[in-house]
Amino acid sequence: MLKILLLGDYSGCHTTLAEGLRKLGHDVTVVSDGCSFMQIAPDVMLSRREGLVGGATYLARVLMQLPRWRGYDVVQFVNPHFLSLRPGKLRWLFREIRRHNRHLSVTLCSEDTAFADALLNSDLFRFSEARVGDVPTEFYRNNPRFFEDWLLPESADYQREFYAGCDSMVAVLPEYAMASERRYPGKVFGGGIAIDLRKHPFTPLEIRGKVKVFLGYKSGLMQKKGADILLGVLRELAAELPDRMELVEVHDLPFDDYLRAMRGSHIVVDQLYAYSPATNALNAMAMGKVVATGCEPEYLEWVRGTVDDVPIIPLRPTDADLKSTFREFILAPERLRGMGIAGRRLVEKNNEMTVVARKYVEAWKNSGLTC
């Protein structure tokens, strides 16, 4: 049995991983802010309120917790910025954690210096939320600091020390592995996004009447995920096919409410700029929904699949006619039931929480952890 501390969370990634690790017999503690508006409860809640008083109170609570973050076999960080603190304070905390625990690892699941640099300054990705080919996206033009702040010396210098001090790095998607492997060869492993299938019971699709197409988004990140473009396309298509399609839009819901809203749909539309299905898409596939999102060759290689056995409606920002892509499936609802069944199987094979938990344990052991 390993004693494991998961520091930080992102869309429930660590909370579900913890459940998988516990089912394998390990002792796990999750510390996070509840994933902000998503309200995913950790074992230890550390959330920061705005203002000077909120910041001081938060830091005091972190320092009170610090003595409890000792004596672990594994500390898995969700990101170099695993707490809501400036790099200087994070550097000091990281050194303290390094000194008092056996194996340090980081989950590659969100932005960092390596990922931002790959998006802005390399030809690694054919498209991304920052660029499509050589053309900046509207999100990047409106929010350049979202990416560029990761490249500032304060962040970049801290992250160099952080990653040098980590024994392993576990990527949830091939995009993150691709960006980090160039910088940290030999330290990057594939893990995947853990899905708790007990919370997403499978229901075969039954389509009587209109095909229900679901799109949920966070208002502040509509452009980053491409939801603004997708929503425009879907609204036009719903107007053109009023007897064949119903569009369901939700935004800014807590995670459990989001999942409840999704359950009545047939097609779940997720991201435009992704290479792979992420948490929302995988949850939907677990339920038996058909998902429209990224499905690039790098993802097919990641899951050792082919276009024929990965049942995703593929979306790319380079597609000339996204409306036709959706129309094809809305007008052929008989295809959706089989795709929903195959999607559930794909998640069972690659993302069931104990399957992913075993990959993390293997990564730690392959990086030198002895049990």
Protein backbone atom coordinates (compact mmCIF):
# COMPACT_ATOMS: atom_id res chain seq x y z
CA MET A 1 0.00 0.00 0.00
CA LEU A 2 1.23 3.49 -0.90
CA LYS A 3 0.48 6.65 1.04
CA ILE A 4 -0.37 9.25 -1.61
CA LEU A 5 -1.07 12.99 -1.50
CA LEU A 6 -2.77 14.62 -4.50
CA LEU A 7 -2.19 18.38 -4.39
CA GLY A 8 -4.62 20.40 -6.50
CA ASP A 9 -7.33 19.32 -8.92
CA TYR A 10 -8.59 20.16 -12.37
CA SER A 11 -12.09 19.20 -13.55
CA GLY A 12 -12.15 16.41 -10.98
CA CYS A 13 -9.09 14.72 -12.48
CA HIS A 14 -7.39 14.05 -9.13
CA THR A 15 -10.61 13.39 -7.21
CA THR A 16 -11.52 10.52 -9.52
CA LEU A 17 -7.93 9.28 -9.70
CA ALA A 18 -7.99 9.11 -5.89
CA GLU A 19 -11.03 6.82 -6.01
CA GLY A 20 -9.23 4.53 -8.46
CA LEU A 21 -6.13 4.41 -6.29
CA ARG A 22 -8.22 3.64 -3.20
CA LYS A 23 -9.88 0.73 -5.01
CA LEU A 24 -6.36 -0.60 -5.61
CA GLY A 25 -5.75 -0.49 -1.85
CA HIS A 26 -3.79 2.77 -1.48
CA ASP A 27 -4.21 5.48 1.16
CA VAL A 28 -5.00 8.75 -0.67
CA THR A 29 -5.66 12.35 0.39
CA VAL A 30 -6.83 15.05 -2.05
CA VAL A 31 -6.25 18.75 -1.32
CA SER A 32 -7.89 21.28 -3.67
CA ASP A 33 -10.16 24.30 -4.03
CA GLY A 34 -13.03 22.13 -5.22
CA CYS A 35 -12.27 22.97 -8.87
CA SER A 36 -13.73 26.45 -8.42
CA PHE A 37 -17.32 26.76 -9.69
CA MET A 38 -17.48 23.01 -10.40
CA GLN A 39 -17.81 22.31 -6.65
CA ILE A 40 -16.06 18.92 -6.64
CA ALA A 41 -15.40 18.24 -2.97
CA PRO A 42 -11.86 17.13 -1.97
CA ASP A 43 -10.75 15.60 1.31
CA VAL A 44 -9.19 18.91 2.34
CA MET A 45 -10.67 22.13 0.96
CA LEU A 46 -8.25 25.02 0.37
CA SER A 47 -10.02 27.81 -1.48
CA ARG A 48 -8.90 31.43 -1.74
CA ARG A 49 -11.17 34.44 -1.46
CA GLU A 50 -10.42 37.69 -3.23
CA GLY A 51 -8.64 40.61 -1.59
CA LEU A 52 -5.74 41.07 0.83
CA VAL A 53 -7.57 39.49 3.73
CA GLY A 54 -8.56 36.52 1.60
CA GLY A 55 -4.97 36.06 0.43
CA ALA A 56 -3.53 36.29 3.96
CA THR A 57 -6.11 33.84 5.32
CA TYR A 58 -5.39 31.41 2.50
CA LEU A 59 -1.63 31.51 3.08
CA ALA A 60 -2.13 30.97 6.81
CA ARG A 61 -4.27 27.89 6.12
CA VAL A 62 -1.66 26.52 3.72
CA LEU A 63 1.08 26.93 6.34
CA MET A 64 -1.10 25.20 8.91
CA GLN A 65 -1.58 22.28 6.52
CA LEU A 66 2.08 22.02 5.51
CA PRO A 67 3.22 19.83 8.45
CA ARG A 68 0.56 17.30 7.39
CA TRP A 69 2.07 17.06 3.91
CA ARG A 70 5.00 14.98 5.12
CA GLY A 71 5.82 11.29 5.07
CA TYR A 72 4.07 10.39 1.83
CA ASP A 73 5.35 7.78 -0.59
CA VAL A 74 4.03 9.89 -3.49
CA VAL A 75 3.02 13.52 -3.82
CA GLN A 76 1.24 14.13 -7.14
CA PHE A 77 0.84 17.80 -8.13
CA VAL A 78 -1.88 18.85 -10.55
CA ASN A 79 0.37 21.56 -12.02
CA PRO A 80 3.46 23.55 -10.97
CA HIS A 81 0.93 26.14 -9.80
CA PHE A 82 -0.80 23.64 -7.56
CA LEU A 83 -1.99 26.32 -5.12
CA SER A 84 -3.24 29.88 -5.64
CA LEU A 85 0.08 31.51 -4.74
CA ARG A 86 2.83 33.42 -6.51
CA PRO A 87 5.82 31.47 -7.88
CA GLY A 88 8.13 32.65 -5.09
CA LYS A 89 5.92 31.15 -2.36
CA LEU A 90 5.26 28.04 -4.45
CA ARG A 91 9.00 27.53 -4.88
CA TRP A 92 9.50 27.57 -1.10
CA LEU A 93 6.58 25.19 -0.55
CA PHE A 94 7.82 22.85 -3.25
CA ARG A 95 11.26 22.65 -1.61
CA GLU A 96 9.65 21.84 1.74
CA ILE A 97 7.51 19.13 0.18
CA ARG A 98 10.52 17.76 -1.70
CA ARG A 99 12.47 17.53 1.56
CA HIS A 100 9.88 15.54 3.47
CA ASN A 101 8.45 13.03 0.95
CA ARG A 102 9.74 10.14 -1.14
CA HIS A 103 8.56 10.57 -4.74
CA LEU A 104 7.26 13.72 -6.42
CA SER A 105 5.22 13.60 -9.63
CA VAL A 106 3.10 16.03 -11.63
CA THR A 107 -0.04 15.49 -13.67
CA LEU A 108 0.22 17.14 -17.08
CA CYS A 109 -3.34 18.30 -17.56
CA SER A 110 -3.40 22.07 -18.00
CA GLU A 111 -1.32 25.04 -19.12
CA ASP A 112 2.30 25.41 -18.09
CA THR A 113 5.44 26.96 -19.59
CA ALA A 114 6.21 23.98 -21.84
CA PHE A 115 2.66 23.81 -23.19
CA ALA A 116 2.36 27.55 -23.75
CA ASP A 117 5.73 27.62 -25.51
CA ALA A 118 4.68 24.75 -27.78
CA LEU A 119 1.43 26.53 -28.66
CA LEU A 120 3.07 29.87 -29.43
CA ASN A 121 6.58 29.14 -30.63
CA SER A 122 6.78 25.76 -32.33
CA ASP A 123 5.29 23.78 -35.19
CA LEU A 124 4.35 20.90 -32.89
CA PHE A 125 0.57 21.40 -33.22
CA ARG A 126 -1.35 21.78 -36.48
CA PHE A 127 -3.94 23.79 -34.57
CA SER A 128 -4.67 24.80 -31.00
CA GLU A 129 -6.62 27.32 -28.95
CA ALA A 130 -3.79 29.77 -29.66
CA ARG A 131 -3.21 29.26 -33.39
CA VAL A 132 -4.70 27.54 -36.40
CA GLY A 133 -1.69 26.99 -38.60
CA ASP A 134 0.10 30.33 -38.46
CA VAL A 135 -3.03 32.37 -37.76
CA PRO A 136 -3.73 33.43 -34.16
CA THR A 137 -7.17 32.49 -32.87
CA GLU A 138 -9.64 35.13 -31.75
CA PHE A 139 -9.18 33.89 -28.17
CA TYR A 140 -5.43 34.53 -28.36
CA ARG A 141 -5.90 37.93 -29.96
CA ASN A 142 -8.28 38.91 -27.17
CA ASN A 143 -6.36 37.22 -24.34
CA PRO A 144 -2.63 37.08 -25.21
CA ARG A 145 -1.59 37.10 -21.57
CA PHE A 146 -3.45 33.82 -20.96
CA PHE A 147 -0.55 32.09 -22.70
CA GLU A 148 2.26 34.64 -22.54
CA ASP A 149 2.22 34.95 -18.74
CA TRP A 150 3.42 31.35 -18.56
CA LEU A 151 6.59 32.42 -20.42
CA LEU A 152 7.47 35.29 -18.06
CA PRO A 153 10.82 34.76 -16.27
CA GLU A 154 9.19 34.44 -12.84
CA SER A 155 7.02 31.51 -13.96
CA ALA A 156 9.55 29.93 -16.32
CA ASP A 157 12.40 29.97 -13.76
CA TYR A 158 10.22 28.48 -11.04
CA GLN A 159 8.92 25.76 -13.36
CA ARG A 160 12.44 24.75 -14.38
CA GLU A 161 13.22 24.03 -10.73
CA PHE A 162 9.84 22.38 -10.18
CA TYR A 163 10.15 19.95 -13.08
CA ALA A 164 13.79 19.21 -12.33
CA GLY A 165 12.70 18.28 -8.80
CA CYS A 166 9.87 15.98 -9.91
CA ASP A 167 10.70 12.31 -10.36
CA SER A 168 7.98 11.68 -12.95
CA MET A 169 5.40 13.41 -15.11
CA VAL A 170 2.09 11.75 -16.07
CA ALA A 171 0.09 13.16 -19.00
CA VAL A 172 -3.69 12.87 -19.18
CA LEU A 173 -3.80 13.49 -22.96
CA PRO A 174 -1.31 13.12 -25.81
CA GLU A 175 -1.23 16.92 -26.33
CA TYR A 176 0.39 17.45 -22.95
CA ALA A 177 2.82 14.58 -23.44
CA MET A 178 3.85 15.96 -26.83
CA ALA A 179 4.64 19.39 -25.38
CA SER A 180 6.66 18.07 -22.44
CA GLU A 181 8.57 15.17 -24.01
CA ARG A 182 10.80 17.57 -25.94
CA ARG A 183 11.92 19.27 -22.73
CA TYR A 184 11.95 16.34 -20.34
CA PRO A 185 12.82 13.16 -22.27
CA GLY A 186 12.46 10.00 -20.23
CA LYS A 187 10.32 11.56 -17.49
CA VAL A 188 6.93 11.68 -19.28
CA PHE A 189 4.44 8.82 -19.05
CA GLY A 190 0.92 8.31 -20.38
CA GLY A 191 -1.81 8.11 -17.77
CA GLY A 192 -5.16 9.24 -19.10
CA ILE A 193 -8.20 10.85 -17.48
CA ALA A 194 -9.81 8.68 -14.82
CA ILE A 195 -13.59 8.21 -15.11
CA ASP A 196 -15.75 6.76 -12.33
CA LEU A 197 -18.16 4.61 -14.33
CA ARG A 198 -20.39 4.12 -11.27
CA LYS A 199 -21.38 7.78 -11.53
CA HIS A 200 -22.12 7.55 -15.25
CA PRO A 201 -24.42 4.56 -15.82
CA PHE A 202 -24.72 3.51 -19.42
CA THR A 203 -28.07 3.91 -21.14
CA PRO A 204 -28.46 2.86 -24.80
CA LEU A 205 -29.61 5.73 -26.97
CA GLU A 206 -33.30 5.77 -27.84
CA ILE A 207 -34.17 8.46 -30.37
CA ARG A 208 -37.83 9.15 -30.87
CA GLY A 209 -38.36 12.36 -32.76
CA LYS A 210 -35.69 15.04 -32.63
CA VAL A 211 -31.98 14.43 -32.07
CA LYS A 212 -31.04 16.35 -28.92
CA VAL A 213 -27.68 18.09 -29.27
CA PHE A 214 -26.09 19.35 -26.04
CA LEU A 215 -23.46 22.09 -25.63
CA GLY A 216 -22.27 23.22 -22.21
CA TYR A 217 -19.62 25.81 -21.56
CA LYS A 218 -18.03 28.18 -19.08
CA SER A 219 -18.79 31.73 -20.15
CA GLY A 220 -15.25 33.04 -19.62
CA LEU A 221 -13.73 30.25 -21.73
CA MET A 222 -16.18 30.11 -24.66
CA GLN A 223 -13.59 31.26 -27.19
CA LYS A 224 -10.79 29.11 -25.72
CA LYS A 225 -12.76 25.91 -26.25
CA GLY A 226 -14.26 27.11 -29.54
CA ALA A 227 -17.76 27.03 -28.03
CA ASP A 228 -18.58 30.40 -29.55
CA ILE A 229 -18.02 29.04 -33.06
CA LEU A 230 -19.75 25.74 -32.35
CA LEU A 231 -22.75 27.43 -30.78
CA GLY A 232 -23.21 29.64 -33.82
CA VAL A 233 -23.10 26.64 -36.14
CA LEU A 234 -25.53 24.64 -34.02
CA ARG A 235 -28.01 27.49 -33.69
CA GLU A 236 -28.08 27.89 -37.47
CA LEU A 237 -28.54 24.17 -37.96
CA ALA A 238 -31.34 23.97 -35.38
CA ALA A 239 -33.15 26.75 -37.26
CA GLU A 240 -32.70 24.88 -40.55
CA LEU A 241 -33.83 21.51 -39.12
CA PRO A 242 -36.57 22.40 -36.62
CA ASP A 243 -38.26 19.01 -36.97
CA ARG A 244 -35.05 16.94 -36.70
CA MET A 245 -32.88 18.66 -34.09
CA GLU A 246 -33.21 20.21 -30.64
CA LEU A 247 -30.32 22.29 -29.25
CA VAL A 248 -29.75 22.26 -25.48
CA GLU A 249 -27.44 25.02 -24.19
CA VAL A 250 -26.16 25.28 -20.60
CA HIS A 251 -23.38 27.34 -19.06
CA ASP A 252 -21.54 27.85 -15.77
CA LEU A 253 -23.19 24.93 -13.98
CA PRO A 254 -21.71 23.04 -11.02
CA PHE A 255 -20.33 19.71 -12.18
CA ASP A 256 -23.18 17.51 -10.92
CA ASP A 257 -25.81 19.83 -12.43
CA TYR A 258 -23.91 19.79 -15.71
CA LEU A 259 -23.95 15.99 -15.79
CA ARG A 260 -27.69 15.88 -15.04
CA ALA A 261 -28.37 18.31 -17.87
CA MET A 262 -26.29 16.19 -20.23
CA ARG A 263 -28.12 12.93 -19.54
CA GLY A 264 -31.17 13.73 -21.65
CA SER A 265 -29.16 14.36 -24.82
CA HIS A 266 -28.03 12.20 -27.75
CA ILE A 267 -25.01 14.14 -29.08
CA VAL A 268 -22.69 16.06 -26.73
CA VAL A 269 -20.56 18.75 -28.37
CA ASP A 270 -17.35 19.55 -26.52
CA GLN A 271 -14.22 21.21 -27.94
CA LEU A 272 -13.13 22.53 -31.34
CA TYR A 273 -9.37 22.92 -30.81
CA ALA A 274 -8.62 19.63 -29.03
CA TYR A 275 -6.68 16.66 -30.33
CA SER A 276 -8.43 14.28 -27.91
CA PRO A 277 -11.64 13.84 -25.92
CA ALA A 278 -11.19 15.35 -22.46
CA THR A 279 -13.18 14.99 -19.21
CA ASN A 280 -16.59 16.20 -20.39
CA ALA A 281 -16.44 14.13 -23.56
CA LEU A 282 -15.32 10.98 -21.73
CA ASN A 283 -18.09 11.35 -19.15
CA ALA A 284 -20.59 11.67 -21.98
CA MET A 285 -19.25 8.59 -23.76
CA ALA A 286 -19.43 6.64 -20.50
CA MET A 287 -23.17 7.44 -20.39
CA GLY A 288 -23.57 6.20 -23.97
CA LYS A 289 -23.78 9.59 -25.65
CA VAL A 290 -22.17 10.33 -29.02
CA VAL A 291 -19.50 12.99 -28.67
CA ALA A 292 -18.32 15.65 -31.11
CA THR A 293 -14.80 16.80 -30.24
CA GLY A 294 -11.15 16.41 -31.22
CA CYS A 295 -10.05 13.01 -32.51
CA GLU A 296 -6.67 13.40 -34.19
CA PRO A 297 -4.22 10.64 -35.24
CA GLU A 298 -2.18 11.28 -32.09
CA TYR A 299 -5.19 10.30 -29.98
CA LEU A 300 -5.87 7.18 -32.07
CA GLU A 301 -2.26 6.12 -31.47
CA TRP A 302 -2.65 6.92 -27.75
CA VAL A 303 -5.59 4.48 -27.44
CA ARG A 304 -4.25 2.09 -30.11
CA GLY A 305 -7.43 2.57 -32.11
CA THR A 306 -8.57 3.42 -35.60
CA VAL A 307 -11.09 5.83 -37.04
CA ASP A 308 -13.52 2.92 -37.41
CA ASP A 309 -13.45 1.82 -33.75
CA VAL A 310 -13.21 5.25 -32.07
CA PRO A 311 -16.82 6.48 -32.27
CA ILE A 312 -16.30 10.24 -32.14
CA ILE A 313 -17.66 12.92 -34.47
CA PRO A 314 -14.31 14.59 -35.25
CA LEU A 315 -14.11 18.38 -35.07
CA ARG A 316 -11.30 20.56 -36.40
CA PRO A 317 -11.09 24.34 -36.71
CA THR A 318 -9.73 23.79 -40.22
CA ASP A 319 -12.95 22.10 -41.38
CA ALA A 320 -14.54 24.17 -44.11
CA ASP A 321 -18.11 23.21 -43.23
CA LEU A 322 -18.75 22.18 -39.64
CA LYS A 323 -22.48 22.45 -40.22
CA SER A 324 -22.35 19.62 -42.76
CA THR A 325 -20.44 17.46 -40.28
CA PHE A 326 -23.24 17.77 -37.73
CA ARG A 327 -26.02 17.52 -40.33
CA GLU A 328 -24.68 14.15 -41.51
CA PHE A 329 -25.29 12.57 -38.10
CA ILE A 330 -28.50 14.41 -37.22
CA LEU A 331 -30.12 13.14 -40.42
CA ALA A 332 -28.91 9.57 -39.80
CA PRO A 333 -29.90 8.93 -36.16
CA GLU A 334 -29.78 5.16 -36.70
CA ARG A 335 -25.95 5.45 -36.61
CA LEU A 336 -25.91 7.02 -33.16
CA ARG A 337 -26.98 4.03 -31.06
CA GLY A 338 -24.04 1.88 -32.16
CA MET A 339 -21.63 4.75 -31.71
CA GLY A 340 -22.90 5.25 -28.17
CA ILE A 341 -22.26 1.58 -27.31
CA ALA A 342 -18.75 1.72 -28.80
CA GLY A 343 -18.01 4.94 -26.91
CA ARG A 344 -18.80 3.30 -23.58
CA ARG A 345 -16.46 0.41 -24.45
CA LEU A 346 -13.69 2.85 -25.34
CA VAL A 347 -13.95 4.54 -21.93
CA GLU A 348 -14.10 1.19 -20.11
CA LYS A 349 -10.91 0.08 -21.85
CA ASN A 350 -8.85 3.26 -21.48
CA ASN A 351 -10.31 5.49 -18.77
CA GLU A 352 -12.03 3.42 -16.08
CA MET A 353 -10.56 4.80 -12.86
CA THR A 354 -8.62 1.71 -11.77
CA VAL A 355 -7.17 1.31 -15.28
CA VAL A 356 -5.81 4.87 -15.09
CA ALA A 357 -4.74 4.49 -11.45
CA ARG A 358 -2.59 1.48 -12.41
CA LYS A 359 -0.89 3.57 -15.09
CA TYR A 360 0.06 6.18 -12.49
CA VAL A 361 1.48 3.53 -10.16
CA GLU A 362 3.45 2.03 -13.06
CA ALA A 363 4.84 5.48 -13.92
CA TRP A 364 5.99 6.03 -10.35
CA LYS A 365 7.63 2.61 -10.20
CA ASN A 366 9.29 3.06 -13.59
CA SER A 367 10.71 6.37 -12.28
CA GLY A 368 12.40 4.72 -9.32
CA LEU A 369 9.76 4.43 -6.61
CA THR A 370 10.17 1.23 -4.62
CA CYS A 371 7.17 -0.24 -2.83
